[in-house]
Amino acid sequence: MTQRRKERIEVRIARSPELRAALVKGLQGAVQFEEVPTADYMGVELTGDTFEIKPFSPLEQIVAPKARWQFDVTPLRSGIQTLILVVSLRINQLAPAHQAVSGRIGVPVLERRIRIHVNIGYGTRSFLAGNWQWLVGTIVAAGAALGAWAAFFH
């Protein structure tokens, strides 16, 4: 990934390993598989302190027989950064009094360390925007010094 360059990340979950071919259909870029427990209703959240993340799917969805979550992810800083995928299952069970009880179970968090490359154009623009007054002052002072030097030796 490159700093300040948005990329689409997609998470797909299927209820059966036999649906693996259906999961990858239409995907572009790197594909990675992880086996996780599944349920009828599942939630997926993508987080990272140094990323701007915009979800395009509801947090919780029905997985019948598969579901898809999409996120636009923009790395804010270069270097090695951590992106975290949080998956949860909603379980409905009958309690001893024959009443339905609903709850969530968390799946172990998936953390991925991602190398974010420096965006030279963004870095240059940020530096100029944050330091323009010093740059202008330096140019004016240098021009005045050159003018004084030329006047002194002429």
N, C-alpha and C. Protein backbone atom coordinates (compact mmCIF):
# COMPACT_ATOMS: atom_id res chain seq x y z
N MET A 1 0.84 -1.17 0.00
CA MET A 1 0.00 0.00 0.00
C MET A 1 0.89 1.24 0.00
N THR A 2 0.32 2.35 -0.45
CA THR A 2 1.04 3.61 -0.50
C THR A 2 0.31 4.65 0.34
N GLN A 3 1.08 5.43 1.07
CA GLN A 3 0.55 6.46 1.94
C GLN A 3 -0.40 7.37 1.18
N ARG A 4 -1.58 7.62 1.78
CA ARG A 4 -2.62 8.50 1.25
C ARG A 4 -3.20 8.05 -0.08
N ARG A 5 -3.02 6.78 -0.43
CA ARG A 5 -3.62 6.23 -1.65
C ARG A 5 -4.66 5.19 -1.24
N LYS A 6 -5.91 5.47 -1.55
CA LYS A 6 -7.04 4.63 -1.13
C LYS A 6 -7.04 3.31 -1.89
N GLU A 7 -7.32 2.23 -1.15
CA GLU A 7 -7.47 0.90 -1.74
C GLU A 7 -8.72 0.24 -1.19
N ARG A 8 -9.37 -0.58 -2.00
CA ARG A 8 -10.56 -1.31 -1.57
C ARG A 8 -10.13 -2.66 -1.00
N ILE A 9 -10.60 -2.95 0.20
CA ILE A 9 -10.35 -4.24 0.84
C ILE A 9 -11.70 -4.92 1.01
N GLU A 10 -11.72 -6.19 0.66
CA GLU A 10 -12.96 -6.95 0.71
C GLU A 10 -12.77 -8.17 1.60
N VAL A 11 -13.74 -8.43 2.47
CA VAL A 11 -13.75 -9.61 3.32
C VAL A 11 -14.95 -10.44 2.90
N ARG A 12 -14.72 -11.69 2.62
CA ARG A 12 -15.80 -12.60 2.25
C ARG A 12 -15.77 -13.80 3.18
N ILE A 13 -16.96 -14.22 3.60
CA ILE A 13 -17.08 -15.38 4.49
C ILE A 13 -18.12 -16.31 3.89
N ALA A 14 -17.77 -17.60 3.88
CA ALA A 14 -18.69 -18.64 3.41
C ALA A 14 -18.91 -19.65 4.52
N ARG A 15 -20.10 -20.25 4.52
CA ARG A 15 -20.44 -21.21 5.57
C ARG A 15 -19.80 -22.57 5.35
N SER A 16 -19.25 -22.80 4.14
CA SER A 16 -18.70 -24.11 3.82
C SER A 16 -17.40 -23.97 3.04
N PRO A 17 -16.41 -24.82 3.32
CA PRO A 17 -15.15 -24.77 2.55
C PRO A 17 -15.35 -25.07 1.07
N GLU A 18 -16.42 -25.75 0.72
CA GLU A 18 -16.68 -26.07 -0.69
C GLU A 18 -16.99 -24.82 -1.51
N LEU A 19 -17.26 -23.70 -0.85
CA LEU A 19 -17.59 -22.46 -1.56
C LEU A 19 -16.37 -21.59 -1.82
N ARG A 20 -15.18 -22.13 -1.63
CA ARG A 20 -13.93 -21.36 -1.81
C ARG A 20 -13.84 -20.75 -3.20
N ALA A 21 -14.19 -21.50 -4.24
CA ALA A 21 -14.13 -20.97 -5.61
C ALA A 21 -15.09 -19.79 -5.78
N ALA A 22 -16.26 -19.88 -5.16
CA ALA A 22 -17.23 -18.79 -5.24
C ALA A 22 -16.74 -17.55 -4.49
N LEU A 23 -15.96 -17.75 -3.44
CA LEU A 23 -15.43 -16.62 -2.68
C LEU A 23 -14.46 -15.78 -3.49
N VAL A 24 -13.61 -16.41 -4.28
CA VAL A 24 -12.57 -15.68 -4.99
C VAL A 24 -13.02 -15.14 -6.34
N LYS A 25 -14.18 -15.54 -6.79
CA LYS A 25 -14.68 -15.10 -8.09
C LYS A 25 -14.82 -13.58 -8.12
N GLY A 26 -14.15 -12.95 -9.07
CA GLY A 26 -14.23 -11.51 -9.25
C GLY A 26 -13.27 -10.69 -8.38
N LEU A 27 -12.49 -11.34 -7.54
CA LEU A 27 -11.54 -10.61 -6.71
C LEU A 27 -10.31 -10.23 -7.51
N GLN A 28 -9.74 -9.06 -7.20
CA GLN A 28 -8.50 -8.61 -7.82
C GLN A 28 -7.45 -8.46 -6.73
N GLY A 29 -6.21 -8.58 -7.08
CA GLY A 29 -5.14 -8.40 -6.11
C GLY A 29 -4.88 -9.65 -5.30
N ALA A 30 -4.21 -9.47 -4.17
CA ALA A 30 -3.82 -10.59 -3.32
C ALA A 30 -5.04 -11.17 -2.61
N VAL A 31 -5.12 -12.49 -2.58
CA VAL A 31 -6.20 -13.20 -1.89
C VAL A 31 -5.58 -14.00 -0.77
N GLN A 32 -6.17 -13.91 0.41
CA GLN A 32 -5.67 -14.65 1.56
C GLN A 32 -6.85 -15.33 2.25
N PHE A 33 -6.66 -16.60 2.60
CA PHE A 33 -7.70 -17.37 3.26
C PHE A 33 -7.37 -17.58 4.73
N GLU A 34 -8.39 -17.48 5.58
CA GLU A 34 -8.29 -17.79 7.00
C GLU A 34 -9.53 -18.59 7.35
N GLU A 35 -9.35 -19.67 8.11
CA GLU A 35 -10.51 -20.44 8.55
C GLU A 35 -11.00 -19.86 9.87
N VAL A 36 -12.30 -19.54 9.92
CA VAL A 36 -12.92 -19.02 11.13
C VAL A 36 -14.25 -19.75 11.33
N PRO A 37 -14.71 -19.85 12.57
CA PRO A 37 -16.04 -20.41 12.80
C PRO A 37 -17.08 -19.51 12.14
N THR A 38 -18.21 -20.09 11.76
CA THR A 38 -19.25 -19.29 11.12
C THR A 38 -20.58 -19.47 11.84
N ALA A 39 -21.48 -18.54 11.59
CA ALA A 39 -22.83 -18.58 12.13
C ALA A 39 -23.76 -17.96 11.10
N ASP A 40 -25.05 -18.01 11.36
CA ASP A 40 -26.02 -17.43 10.43
C ASP A 40 -25.84 -15.92 10.30
N TYR A 41 -25.52 -15.26 11.42
CA TYR A 41 -25.30 -13.82 11.43
C TYR A 41 -23.87 -13.56 11.90
N MET A 42 -23.14 -12.76 11.11
CA MET A 42 -21.76 -12.45 11.47
C MET A 42 -21.49 -10.97 11.29
N GLY A 43 -20.56 -10.46 12.09
CA GLY A 43 -20.13 -9.07 11.98
C GLY A 43 -18.66 -9.01 11.63
N VAL A 44 -18.29 -8.02 10.82
CA VAL A 44 -16.89 -7.82 10.44
C VAL A 44 -16.58 -6.33 10.56
N GLU A 45 -15.47 -6.04 11.23
CA GLU A 45 -15.02 -4.66 11.39
C GLU A 45 -13.53 -4.60 11.10
N LEU A 46 -13.11 -3.58 10.38
CA LEU A 46 -11.70 -3.38 10.04
C LEU A 46 -11.25 -2.10 10.74
N THR A 47 -10.15 -2.19 11.52
CA THR A 47 -9.66 -1.03 12.25
C THR A 47 -8.15 -0.92 12.12
N GLY A 48 -7.64 0.25 12.40
CA GLY A 48 -6.20 0.50 12.41
C GLY A 48 -5.97 1.96 12.77
N ASP A 49 -5.10 2.22 13.72
CA ASP A 49 -4.87 3.58 14.21
C ASP A 49 -4.33 4.52 13.13
N THR A 50 -3.58 3.99 12.19
CA THR A 50 -2.94 4.84 11.19
C THR A 50 -3.60 4.71 9.82
N PHE A 51 -4.87 4.32 9.82
CA PHE A 51 -5.63 4.18 8.58
C PHE A 51 -6.93 4.95 8.68
N GLU A 52 -7.36 5.49 7.56
CA GLU A 52 -8.72 6.02 7.44
C GLU A 52 -9.53 4.92 6.77
N ILE A 53 -10.57 4.43 7.44
CA ILE A 53 -11.33 3.28 6.94
C ILE A 53 -12.79 3.67 6.80
N LYS A 54 -13.31 3.47 5.59
CA LYS A 54 -14.72 3.77 5.31
C LYS A 54 -15.42 2.46 4.93
N PRO A 55 -16.35 1.99 5.79
CA PRO A 55 -17.07 0.74 5.46
C PRO A 55 -18.21 1.02 4.48
N PHE A 56 -18.46 0.07 3.59
CA PHE A 56 -19.54 0.18 2.62
C PHE A 56 -20.61 -0.89 2.84
N SER A 57 -20.47 -1.66 3.89
CA SER A 57 -21.40 -2.76 4.16
C SER A 57 -21.87 -2.64 5.60
N PRO A 58 -23.05 -3.20 5.90
CA PRO A 58 -23.46 -3.21 7.31
C PRO A 58 -22.50 -4.05 8.14
N LEU A 59 -22.31 -3.65 9.38
CA LEU A 59 -21.40 -4.38 10.27
C LEU A 59 -21.81 -5.84 10.39
N GLU A 60 -23.10 -6.08 10.59
CA GLU A 60 -23.57 -7.46 10.75
C GLU A 60 -24.42 -7.85 9.55
N GLN A 61 -24.19 -9.06 9.06
CA GLN A 61 -24.91 -9.56 7.89
C GLN A 61 -25.30 -11.02 8.08
N ILE A 62 -26.28 -11.43 7.29
CA ILE A 62 -26.65 -12.84 7.22
C ILE A 62 -25.64 -13.54 6.32
N VAL A 63 -25.14 -14.68 6.76
CA VAL A 63 -24.19 -15.47 5.96
C VAL A 63 -24.96 -16.68 5.44
N ALA A 64 -25.53 -16.53 4.24
CA ALA A 64 -26.36 -17.61 3.70
C ALA A 64 -26.20 -17.72 2.19
N PRO A 65 -25.39 -18.53 1.68
CA PRO A 65 -24.31 -19.30 2.29
C PRO A 65 -23.01 -18.51 2.39
N LYS A 66 -23.00 -17.26 1.83
CA LYS A 66 -21.80 -16.43 1.94
C LYS A 66 -22.20 -14.98 2.12
N ALA A 67 -21.24 -14.16 2.56
CA ALA A 67 -21.47 -12.73 2.75
C ALA A 67 -20.21 -11.96 2.39
N ARG A 68 -20.37 -10.66 2.14
CA ARG A 68 -19.24 -9.84 1.69
C ARG A 68 -19.28 -8.48 2.40
N TRP A 69 -18.11 -8.04 2.86
CA TRP A 69 -17.94 -6.72 3.46
C TRP A 69 -16.88 -6.00 2.65
N GLN A 70 -17.10 -4.71 2.38
CA GLN A 70 -16.14 -3.91 1.62
C GLN A 70 -15.75 -2.66 2.41
N PHE A 71 -14.48 -2.30 2.30
CA PHE A 71 -13.94 -1.14 3.00
C PHE A 71 -12.99 -0.39 2.06
N ASP A 72 -13.06 0.94 2.08
CA ASP A 72 -12.02 1.74 1.45
C ASP A 72 -11.03 2.10 2.54
N VAL A 73 -9.76 1.76 2.32
CA VAL A 73 -8.72 1.95 3.32
C VAL A 73 -7.66 2.88 2.77
N THR A 74 -7.37 3.95 3.53
CA THR A 74 -6.34 4.91 3.14
C THR A 74 -5.30 4.97 4.24
N PRO A 75 -4.07 4.51 3.97
CA PRO A 75 -3.00 4.61 4.97
C PRO A 75 -2.61 6.07 5.17
N LEU A 76 -2.50 6.50 6.42
CA LEU A 76 -2.18 7.89 6.73
C LEU A 76 -0.69 8.10 6.94
N ARG A 77 0.04 7.05 7.34
CA ARG A 77 1.47 7.16 7.60
C ARG A 77 2.22 6.06 6.87
N SER A 78 3.47 6.33 6.56
CA SER A 78 4.30 5.31 5.93
C SER A 78 4.95 4.44 7.00
N GLY A 79 5.61 3.36 6.56
CA GLY A 79 6.26 2.45 7.49
C GLY A 79 5.45 1.18 7.67
N ILE A 80 5.80 0.40 8.68
CA ILE A 80 5.07 -0.82 8.99
C ILE A 80 3.90 -0.45 9.90
N GLN A 81 2.69 -0.69 9.43
CA GLN A 81 1.47 -0.34 10.18
C GLN A 81 0.62 -1.59 10.37
N THR A 82 -0.25 -1.57 11.38
CA THR A 82 -1.07 -2.74 11.71
C THR A 82 -2.53 -2.49 11.35
N LEU A 83 -3.09 -3.42 10.60
CA LEU A 83 -4.50 -3.42 10.24
C LEU A 83 -5.14 -4.60 10.96
N ILE A 84 -6.28 -4.37 11.62
CA ILE A 84 -6.91 -5.39 12.47
C ILE A 84 -8.30 -5.72 11.93
N LEU A 85 -8.57 -7.02 11.78
CA LEU A 85 -9.87 -7.51 11.35
C LEU A 85 -10.55 -8.17 12.54
N VAL A 86 -11.71 -7.65 12.92
CA VAL A 86 -12.47 -8.18 14.05
C VAL A 86 -13.72 -8.86 13.49
N VAL A 87 -13.89 -10.14 13.80
CA VAL A 87 -15.04 -10.92 13.32
C VAL A 87 -15.83 -11.40 14.54
N SER A 88 -17.16 -11.29 14.45
CA SER A 88 -18.00 -11.79 15.54
C SER A 88 -19.15 -12.61 14.97
N LEU A 89 -19.62 -13.55 15.78
CA LEU A 89 -20.75 -14.41 15.41
C LEU A 89 -21.90 -14.10 16.34
N ARG A 90 -23.10 -13.99 15.79
CA ARG A 90 -24.28 -13.84 16.65
C ARG A 90 -24.92 -15.21 16.77
N ILE A 91 -25.07 -15.65 18.00
CA ILE A 91 -25.61 -16.97 18.30
C ILE A 91 -26.99 -16.82 18.94
N ASN A 92 -27.96 -17.55 18.44
CA ASN A 92 -29.31 -17.59 19.03
C ASN A 92 -29.51 -18.99 19.60
N GLN A 93 -29.85 -19.06 20.87
CA GLN A 93 -30.09 -20.36 21.52
C GLN A 93 -31.34 -20.28 22.37
N LEU A 94 -31.87 -21.43 22.68
CA LEU A 94 -33.00 -21.49 23.59
C LEU A 94 -32.48 -21.65 25.01
N ALA A 95 -32.97 -20.80 25.89
CA ALA A 95 -32.60 -20.87 27.31
C ALA A 95 -33.44 -21.97 27.97
N PRO A 96 -33.08 -22.36 29.21
CA PRO A 96 -33.85 -23.42 29.89
C PRO A 96 -35.35 -23.12 29.98
N ALA A 97 -35.75 -21.85 30.02
CA ALA A 97 -37.17 -21.50 30.11
C ALA A 97 -37.81 -21.43 28.73
N HIS A 98 -37.16 -22.00 27.73
CA HIS A 98 -37.63 -22.03 26.34
C HIS A 98 -37.81 -20.64 25.75
N GLN A 99 -36.97 -19.71 26.17
CA GLN A 99 -36.96 -18.38 25.59
C GLN A 99 -35.69 -18.23 24.76
N ALA A 100 -35.81 -17.53 23.65
CA ALA A 100 -34.65 -17.32 22.78
C ALA A 100 -33.68 -16.34 23.44
N VAL A 101 -32.41 -16.71 23.42
CA VAL A 101 -31.35 -15.85 23.95
C VAL A 101 -30.38 -15.58 22.82
N SER A 102 -30.02 -14.33 22.64
CA SER A 102 -29.10 -13.95 21.58
C SER A 102 -27.84 -13.37 22.19
N GLY A 103 -26.71 -13.66 21.59
CA GLY A 103 -25.44 -13.12 22.08
C GLY A 103 -24.39 -13.15 20.98
N ARG A 104 -23.28 -12.51 21.24
CA ARG A 104 -22.19 -12.46 20.27
C ARG A 104 -20.98 -13.20 20.82
N ILE A 105 -20.27 -13.84 19.91
CA ILE A 105 -19.02 -14.52 20.24
C ILE A 105 -17.95 -13.93 19.33
N GLY A 106 -16.83 -13.56 19.91
CA GLY A 106 -15.73 -13.01 19.13
C GLY A 106 -14.83 -14.11 18.61
N VAL A 107 -14.42 -13.96 17.38
CA VAL A 107 -13.44 -14.86 16.77
C VAL A 107 -12.07 -14.23 17.03
N PRO A 108 -11.02 -15.02 17.22
CA PRO A 108 -9.70 -14.41 17.43
C PRO A 108 -9.40 -13.35 16.36
N VAL A 109 -8.91 -12.23 16.84
CA VAL A 109 -8.62 -11.09 15.98
C VAL A 109 -7.49 -11.43 15.01
N LEU A 110 -7.65 -10.97 13.77
CA LEU A 110 -6.60 -11.16 12.77
C LEU A 110 -5.86 -9.83 12.62
N GLU A 111 -4.58 -9.83 12.94
CA GLU A 111 -3.75 -8.64 12.79
C GLU A 111 -2.77 -8.86 11.66
N ARG A 112 -2.66 -7.86 10.80
CA ARG A 112 -1.71 -7.93 9.68
C ARG A 112 -0.84 -6.69 9.71
N ARG A 113 0.46 -6.92 9.68
CA ARG A 113 1.41 -5.82 9.59
C ARG A 113 1.64 -5.56 8.10
N ILE A 114 1.43 -4.32 7.71
CA ILE A 114 1.47 -3.96 6.30
C ILE A 114 2.51 -2.87 6.09
N ARG A 115 3.33 -3.06 5.07
CA ARG A 115 4.34 -2.04 4.74
C ARG A 115 3.67 -0.97 3.87
N ILE A 116 3.70 0.26 4.38
CA ILE A 116 3.12 1.39 3.67
C ILE A 116 4.28 2.19 3.08
N HIS A 117 4.28 2.33 1.77
CA HIS A 117 5.34 3.06 1.08
C HIS A 117 5.08 4.57 1.15
N VAL A 118 6.16 5.33 1.15
CA VAL A 118 6.07 6.79 1.20
C VAL A 118 5.51 7.30 -0.12
N ASN A 119 4.58 8.23 -0.03
CA ASN A 119 4.05 8.91 -1.20
C ASN A 119 4.80 10.22 -1.31
N ILE A 120 5.77 10.30 -2.24
CA ILE A 120 6.66 11.46 -2.35
C ILE A 120 5.87 12.74 -2.62
N GLY A 121 4.91 12.67 -3.51
CA GLY A 121 4.10 13.85 -3.83
C GLY A 121 3.35 14.37 -2.63
N TYR A 122 2.73 13.46 -1.88
CA TYR A 122 1.99 13.86 -0.68
C TYR A 122 2.94 14.45 0.36
N GLY A 123 4.10 13.81 0.56
CA GLY A 123 5.07 14.31 1.53
C GLY A 123 5.57 15.70 1.18
N THR A 124 5.83 15.94 -0.09
CA THR A 124 6.30 17.24 -0.54
C THR A 124 5.22 18.30 -0.32
N ARG A 125 3.98 17.98 -0.72
CA ARG A 125 2.87 18.94 -0.53
C ARG A 125 2.65 19.24 0.95
N SER A 126 2.71 18.21 1.79
CA SER A 126 2.50 18.41 3.24
C SER A 126 3.60 19.29 3.82
N PHE A 127 4.84 19.05 3.40
CA PHE A 127 5.96 19.85 3.90
C PHE A 127 5.80 21.31 3.49
N LEU A 128 5.47 21.53 2.21
CA LEU A 128 5.31 22.91 1.73
C LEU A 128 4.13 23.59 2.41
N ALA A 129 3.02 22.88 2.58
CA ALA A 129 1.85 23.47 3.23
C ALA A 129 2.12 23.81 4.69
N GLY A 130 2.90 22.99 5.37
CA GLY A 130 3.18 23.23 6.79
C GLY A 130 4.32 24.21 7.04
N ASN A 131 5.14 24.46 6.03
CA ASN A 131 6.34 25.29 6.24
C ASN A 131 6.48 26.42 5.24
N TRP A 132 5.42 26.80 4.56
CA TRP A 132 5.52 27.81 3.51
C TRP A 132 6.04 29.15 4.04
N GLN A 133 5.64 29.54 5.26
CA GLN A 133 6.06 30.84 5.79
C GLN A 133 7.57 30.87 6.03
N TRP A 134 8.13 29.75 6.46
CA TRP A 134 9.58 29.69 6.67
C TRP A 134 10.33 29.71 5.34
N LEU A 135 9.77 29.03 4.36
CA LEU A 135 10.40 29.01 3.04
C LEU A 135 10.38 30.40 2.40
N VAL A 136 9.25 31.09 2.48
CA VAL A 136 9.15 32.44 1.93
C VAL A 136 10.10 33.37 2.66
N GLY A 137 10.12 33.28 3.99
CA GLY A 137 11.03 34.12 4.78
C GLY A 137 12.49 33.89 4.42
N THR A 138 12.85 32.63 4.23
CA THR A 138 14.23 32.30 3.87
C THR A 138 14.58 32.86 2.50
N ILE A 139 13.67 32.75 1.54
CA ILE A 139 13.92 33.26 0.19
C ILE A 139 14.06 34.78 0.22
N VAL A 140 13.17 35.47 0.97
CA VAL A 140 13.24 36.93 1.07
C VAL A 140 14.55 37.35 1.74
N ALA A 141 14.91 36.67 2.83
CA ALA A 141 16.15 37.02 3.53
C ALA A 141 17.37 36.76 2.65
N ALA A 142 17.36 35.65 1.92
CA ALA A 142 18.49 35.35 1.03
C ALA A 142 18.58 36.39 -0.08
N GLY A 143 17.43 36.79 -0.61
CA GLY A 143 17.43 37.84 -1.66
C GLY A 143 17.95 39.16 -1.13
N ALA A 144 17.53 39.51 0.10
CA ALA A 144 18.01 40.75 0.71
C ALA A 144 19.51 40.68 0.96
N ALA A 145 20.00 39.54 1.43
CA ALA A 145 21.43 39.39 1.69
C ALA A 145 22.23 39.48 0.38
N LEU A 146 21.73 38.86 -0.67
CA LEU A 146 22.43 38.95 -1.97
C LEU A 146 22.41 40.39 -2.49
N GLY A 147 21.29 41.07 -2.32
CA GLY A 147 21.20 42.47 -2.76
C GLY A 147 22.17 43.35 -1.99
N ALA A 148 22.25 43.14 -0.68
CA ALA A 148 23.18 43.92 0.14
C ALA A 148 24.62 43.62 -0.24
N TRP A 149 24.93 42.37 -0.49
CA TRP A 149 26.29 41.98 -0.87
C TRP A 149 26.65 42.60 -2.21
N ALA A 150 25.72 42.56 -3.16
CA ALA A 150 25.99 43.15 -4.48
C ALA A 150 26.18 44.65 -4.37
N ALA A 151 25.38 45.32 -3.54
CA ALA A 151 25.50 46.77 -3.39
C ALA A 151 26.81 47.13 -2.69
N PHE A 152 27.25 46.31 -1.74
CA PHE A 152 28.45 46.59 -0.98
C PHE A 152 29.70 46.48 -1.85
N PHE A 153 29.74 45.48 -2.74
CA PHE A 153 30.93 45.25 -3.54
C PHE A 153 30.85 45.91 -4.91
N HIS A 154 29.84 46.64 -5.19
CA HIS A 154 29.73 47.29 -6.50
C HIS A 154 30.09 48.70 -6.43
